[in-house]
Each structure stands twice: as C-alpha cells, then as structure tokens.
Amino acid sequence: MDRPIRVLVAKPGLDGHDRGAKVIARALRDAGMEVIYTGLRQTPEQIVSVSIQEDVDVIAISILSGAHNTLLPRVVHLLQEEKIDDILVIGGGVIPDEDIPYLKEQGIAEIFTPGTPTTVTISFIKDNIKRKY
C-alpha cells in the first residue's frame, strides 16, 4: 500500500447527532485508515467536494434523520456527474431494512445498521475498496 485508505465520514442533512459517526471514525483510525470527518449538517455537494479535495477512497455516510433515500443517492449522483467511479460509498445509521435494496440500487455499496460490529465495516471497506494497490 502506498498510503493508508482514506475515508471521509460525513453527516448529511439536518442530523444533529454524531456519536455513531465518531465511533466509526475512531474504529477506522484504529484499523490504520486515515479519516476525514466533515462534521454535522453537510450537503451532498459539500460531501462530494471534500471527497474530491481530500482524494478519498471511501465516503462513509452516517444518517439518522430519515432522509437517507434522498441524500445518499444524491451523493452517488453527484460523483457520477463528476465522472468519479473509484470512490466506495457506504452508509450507516437508522435505516429501515425495507429501504436498503433501493439504496443499493442507487449505488450505495453497503448499509450498516445499528449494532453492526465495526470489524464488519472495516472488513467490507478493505474487501471492496476500488483503488488499486
């Protein structure tokens, strides 16, 4: 590996709760990844802009607000508009099981719901990263 896996942890929309995002950020750092945390209330446009500026390998979106079916696909759409296809996009948070198939159809690689061990998320990222080593 020429550099650690770079992960942007993002909280889109009006979410005001970021404990879960901070837990996953710490777990990813402990696993040797470089983490950029955008903070609360980011727009999809801000998330994509920072991901480009920071040359990330993964965008990990944490959401609790219920706007996941709008905001997560918007991030993927904006990446497509920029012709970026080498960033793995994953999501997590309070997302109903019935919404997960739709999100995956929209380009979200995986959804991690509450209670998912951080080791599962770490393994998924390592196994599905799109950049070449």
C-alpha atoms as a PDB file:
ATOM      1  CA  MET A   1       0.000   0.000   0.000  1.00  0.00           C
ATOM      2  CA  ASP A   2       1.369   3.378  -0.942  1.00  0.00           C
ATOM      3  CA  ARG A   3      -0.774   5.192   1.631  1.00  0.00           C
ATOM      4  CA  PRO A   4      -3.479   4.371   4.149  1.00  0.00           C
ATOM      5  CA  ILE A   5      -7.048   4.006   2.974  1.00  0.00           C
ATOM      6  CA  ARG A   6      -8.617   7.475   3.169  1.00  0.00           C
ATOM      7  CA  VAL A   7     -12.209   7.624   4.412  1.00  0.00           C
ATOM      8  CA  LEU A   8     -14.484  10.642   4.517  1.00  0.00           C
ATOM      9  CA  VAL A   9     -17.036  10.256   7.326  1.00  0.00           C
ATOM     10  CA  ALA A  10     -19.987  12.520   6.600  1.00  0.00           C
ATOM     11  CA  LYS A  11     -23.214  13.552   8.351  1.00  0.00           C
ATOM     12  CA  PRO A  12     -25.629  14.915   5.733  1.00  0.00           C
ATOM     13  CA  GLY A  13     -28.786  16.887   6.201  1.00  0.00           C
ATOM     14  CA  LEU A  14     -30.251  18.091   9.441  1.00  0.00           C
ATOM     15  CA  ASP A  15     -28.846  15.364  11.682  1.00  0.00           C
ATOM     16  CA  GLY A  16     -27.695  16.826  14.956  1.00  0.00           C
ATOM     17  CA  HIS A  17     -26.400  13.586  16.480  1.00  0.00           C
ATOM     18  CA  ASP A  18     -22.924  12.360  15.549  1.00  0.00           C
ATOM     19  CA  ARG A  19     -21.970   9.865  18.244  1.00  0.00           C
ATOM     20  CA  GLY A  20     -22.172   6.917  15.828  1.00  0.00           C
ATOM     21  CA  ALA A  21     -20.106   8.758  13.218  1.00  0.00           C
ATOM     22  CA  LYS A  22     -17.428   9.444  15.818  1.00  0.00           C
ATOM     23  CA  VAL A  23     -17.419   5.795  16.918  1.00  0.00           C
ATOM     24  CA  ILE A  24     -16.916   4.568  13.357  1.00  0.00           C
ATOM     25  CA  ALA A  25     -14.301   7.258  12.689  1.00  0.00           C
ATOM     26  CA  ARG A  26     -12.298   6.089  15.699  1.00  0.00           C
ATOM     27  CA  ALA A  27     -12.618   2.424  14.705  1.00  0.00           C
ATOM     28  CA  LEU A  28     -11.416   3.171  11.164  1.00  0.00           C
ATOM     29  CA  ARG A  29      -8.450   5.156  12.522  1.00  0.00           C
ATOM     30  CA  ASP A  30      -7.608   2.314  14.903  1.00  0.00           C
ATOM     31  CA  ALA A  31      -7.632  -0.003  11.866  1.00  0.00           C
ATOM     32  CA  GLY A  32      -4.954   2.160  10.210  1.00  0.00           C
ATOM     33  CA  MET A  33      -7.176   4.205   7.941  1.00  0.00           C
ATOM     34  CA  GLU A  34      -6.917   7.950   7.546  1.00  0.00           C
ATOM     35  CA  VAL A  35     -10.247   9.568   8.443  1.00  0.00           C
ATOM     36  CA  ILE A  36     -11.562  12.983   7.488  1.00  0.00           C
ATOM     37  CA  TYR A  37     -14.706  13.886   9.433  1.00  0.00           C
ATOM     38  CA  THR A  38     -16.815  16.669   7.906  1.00  0.00           C
ATOM     39  CA  GLY A  39     -18.937  17.412  10.951  1.00  0.00           C
ATOM     40  CA  LEU A  40     -22.679  17.886  11.158  1.00  0.00           C
ATOM     41  CA  ARG A  41     -25.203  19.186   8.635  1.00  0.00           C
ATOM     42  CA  GLN A  42     -23.299  18.729   5.395  1.00  0.00           C
ATOM     43  CA  THR A  43     -24.960  18.930   1.999  1.00  0.00           C
ATOM     44  CA  PRO A  44     -24.325  16.222  -0.581  1.00  0.00           C
ATOM     45  CA  GLU A  45     -22.491  18.869  -2.627  1.00  0.00           C
ATOM     46  CA  GLN A  46     -20.169  19.629   0.299  1.00  0.00           C
ATOM     47  CA  ILE A  47     -19.541  15.919   0.876  1.00  0.00           C
ATOM     48  CA  VAL A  48     -18.584  15.326  -2.751  1.00  0.00           C
ATOM     49  CA  SER A  49     -16.448  18.470  -2.899  1.00  0.00           C
ATOM     50  CA  VAL A  50     -14.460  17.478   0.187  1.00  0.00           C
ATOM     51  CA  SER A  51     -14.108  13.904  -1.047  1.00  0.00           C
ATOM     52  CA  ILE A  52     -12.523  15.201  -4.260  1.00  0.00           C
ATOM     53  CA  GLN A  53     -10.275  17.687  -2.462  1.00  0.00           C
ATOM     54  CA  GLU A  54      -9.108  15.058   0.018  1.00  0.00           C
ATOM     55  CA  ASP A  55      -8.690  12.310  -2.622  1.00  0.00           C
ATOM     56  CA  VAL A  56     -10.616   9.794  -0.541  1.00  0.00           C
ATOM     57  CA  ASP A  57     -11.133   6.132  -1.296  1.00  0.00           C
ATOM     58  CA  VAL A  58     -14.373   5.809   0.680  1.00  0.00           C
ATOM     59  CA  ILE A  59     -17.295   8.017   1.641  1.00  0.00           C
ATOM     60  CA  ALA A  60     -18.988   6.700   4.782  1.00  0.00           C
ATOM     61  CA  ILE A  61     -22.290   8.467   5.327  1.00  0.00           C
ATOM     62  CA  SER A  62     -23.937   8.331   8.731  1.00  0.00           C
ATOM     63  CA  ILE A  63     -27.587   9.321   8.836  1.00  0.00           C
ATOM     64  CA  LEU A  64     -30.377   9.245  11.378  1.00  0.00           C
ATOM     65  CA  SER A  65     -32.778  11.875  10.055  1.00  0.00           C
ATOM     66  CA  GLY A  66     -34.869   9.677   7.778  1.00  0.00           C
ATOM     67  CA  ALA A  67     -33.690  11.485   4.637  1.00  0.00           C
ATOM     68  CA  HIS A  68     -31.455   8.594   3.563  1.00  0.00           C
ATOM     69  CA  ASN A  69     -33.458   7.782   0.396  1.00  0.00           C
ATOM     70  CA  THR A  70     -32.828  11.316  -0.855  1.00  0.00           C
ATOM     71  CA  LEU A  71     -29.406  12.304   0.467  1.00  0.00           C
ATOM     72  CA  LEU A  72     -27.401   9.108  -0.058  1.00  0.00           C
ATOM     73  CA  PRO A  73     -28.380   8.667  -3.721  1.00  0.00           C
ATOM     74  CA  ARG A  74     -27.689  12.382  -4.276  1.00  0.00           C
ATOM     75  CA  VAL A  75     -24.067  11.864  -3.212  1.00  0.00           C
ATOM     76  CA  VAL A  76     -23.705   8.997  -5.707  1.00  0.00           C
ATOM     77  CA  HIS A  77     -25.367  11.058  -8.449  1.00  0.00           C
ATOM     78  CA  LEU A  78     -23.011  13.992  -7.856  1.00  0.00           C
ATOM     79  CA  LEU A  79     -20.000  11.662  -8.025  1.00  0.00           C
ATOM     80  CA  GLN A  80     -21.320  10.321 -11.337  1.00  0.00           C
ATOM     81  CA  GLU A  81     -21.727  13.875 -12.655  1.00  0.00           C
ATOM     82  CA  GLU A  82     -18.048  14.453 -11.814  1.00  0.00           C
ATOM     83  CA  LYS A  83     -17.205  11.167 -13.601  1.00  0.00           C
ATOM     84  CA  ILE A  84     -15.799   9.713 -10.389  1.00  0.00           C
ATOM     85  CA  ASP A  85     -16.242   5.974 -10.163  1.00  0.00           C
ATOM     86  CA  ASP A  86     -13.420   4.930  -7.856  1.00  0.00           C
ATOM     87  CA  ILE A  87     -14.874   6.048  -4.518  1.00  0.00           C
ATOM     88  CA  LEU A  88     -16.660   3.390  -2.485  1.00  0.00           C
ATOM     89  CA  VAL A  89     -19.840   4.854  -0.955  1.00  0.00           C
ATOM     90  CA  ILE A  90     -21.272   3.195   2.153  1.00  0.00           C
ATOM     91  CA  GLY A  91     -23.975   4.246   4.567  1.00  0.00           C
ATOM     92  CA  GLY A  92     -24.944   3.620   8.130  1.00  0.00           C
ATOM     93  CA  GLY A  93     -27.347   4.653  10.806  1.00  0.00           C
ATOM     94  CA  VAL A  94     -31.031   4.225  11.427  1.00  0.00           C
ATOM     95  CA  ILE A  95     -32.171   2.971   8.035  1.00  0.00           C
ATOM     96  CA  PRO A  96     -35.164   0.633   7.759  1.00  0.00           C
ATOM     97  CA  ASP A  97     -34.423  -2.775   6.246  1.00  0.00           C
ATOM     98  CA  GLU A  98     -37.031  -2.182   3.540  1.00  0.00           C
ATOM     99  CA  ASP A  99     -35.078   0.859   2.256  1.00  0.00           C
ATOM    100  CA  ILE A 100     -31.751  -0.941   1.889  1.00  0.00           C
ATOM    101  CA  PRO A 101     -32.445  -2.592  -1.511  1.00  0.00           C
ATOM    102  CA  TYR A 102     -33.376   0.794  -3.009  1.00  0.00           C
ATOM    103  CA  LEU A 103     -30.201   2.404  -1.668  1.00  0.00           C
ATOM    104  CA  LYS A 104     -28.058  -0.382  -3.098  1.00  0.00           C
ATOM    105  CA  GLU A 105     -29.799   0.007  -6.470  1.00  0.00           C
ATOM    106  CA  GLN A 106     -28.852   3.692  -6.308  1.00  0.00           C
ATOM    107  CA  GLY A 107     -25.157   2.861  -5.911  1.00  0.00           C
ATOM    108  CA  ILE A 108     -24.600   2.642  -2.165  1.00  0.00           C
ATOM    109  CA  ALA A 109     -22.277  -0.356  -1.807  1.00  0.00           C
ATOM    110  CA  GLU A 110     -23.451  -1.379   1.661  1.00  0.00           C
ATOM    111  CA  ILE A 111     -25.606  -0.223   4.547  1.00  0.00           C
ATOM    112  CA  PHE A 112     -24.583  -0.826   8.158  1.00  0.00           C
ATOM    113  CA  THR A 113     -27.409  -0.609  10.668  1.00  0.00           C
ATOM    114  CA  PRO A 114     -27.165  -0.112  14.443  1.00  0.00           C
ATOM    115  CA  GLY A 115     -25.410  -2.980  16.182  1.00  0.00           C
ATOM    116  CA  THR A 116     -23.150  -3.842  13.269  1.00  0.00           C
ATOM    117  CA  PRO A 117     -19.693  -4.592  14.687  1.00  0.00           C
ATOM    118  CA  THR A 118     -17.120  -2.070  13.493  1.00  0.00           C
ATOM    119  CA  THR A 119     -14.965  -5.007  12.383  1.00  0.00           C
ATOM    120  CA  VAL A 120     -17.615  -5.848   9.778  1.00  0.00           C
ATOM    121  CA  THR A 121     -17.457  -2.318   8.357  1.00  0.00           C
ATOM    122  CA  ILE A 122     -13.649  -2.359   8.343  1.00  0.00           C
ATOM    123  CA  SER A 123     -13.547  -5.718   6.549  1.00  0.00           C
ATOM    124  CA  PHE A 124     -16.104  -4.547   3.989  1.00  0.00           C
ATOM    125  CA  ILE A 125     -14.047  -1.471   3.185  1.00  0.00           C
ATOM    126  CA  LYS A 126     -10.818  -3.445   2.837  1.00  0.00           C
ATOM    127  CA  ASP A 127     -12.506  -6.091   0.653  1.00  0.00           C
ATOM    128  CA  ASN A 128     -14.328  -3.629  -1.601  1.00  0.00           C
ATOM    129  CA  ILE A 129     -12.008  -0.652  -1.964  1.00  0.00           C
ATOM    130  CA  LYS A 130     -11.925   0.450  -5.603  1.00  0.00           C
ATOM    131  CA  ARG A 131      -8.381   1.785  -5.842  1.00  0.00           C
ATOM    132  CA  LYS A 132      -5.541  -0.432  -6.929  1.00  0.00           C
ATOM    133  CA  TYR A 133      -2.559  -1.164  -4.714  1.00  0.00           C
END
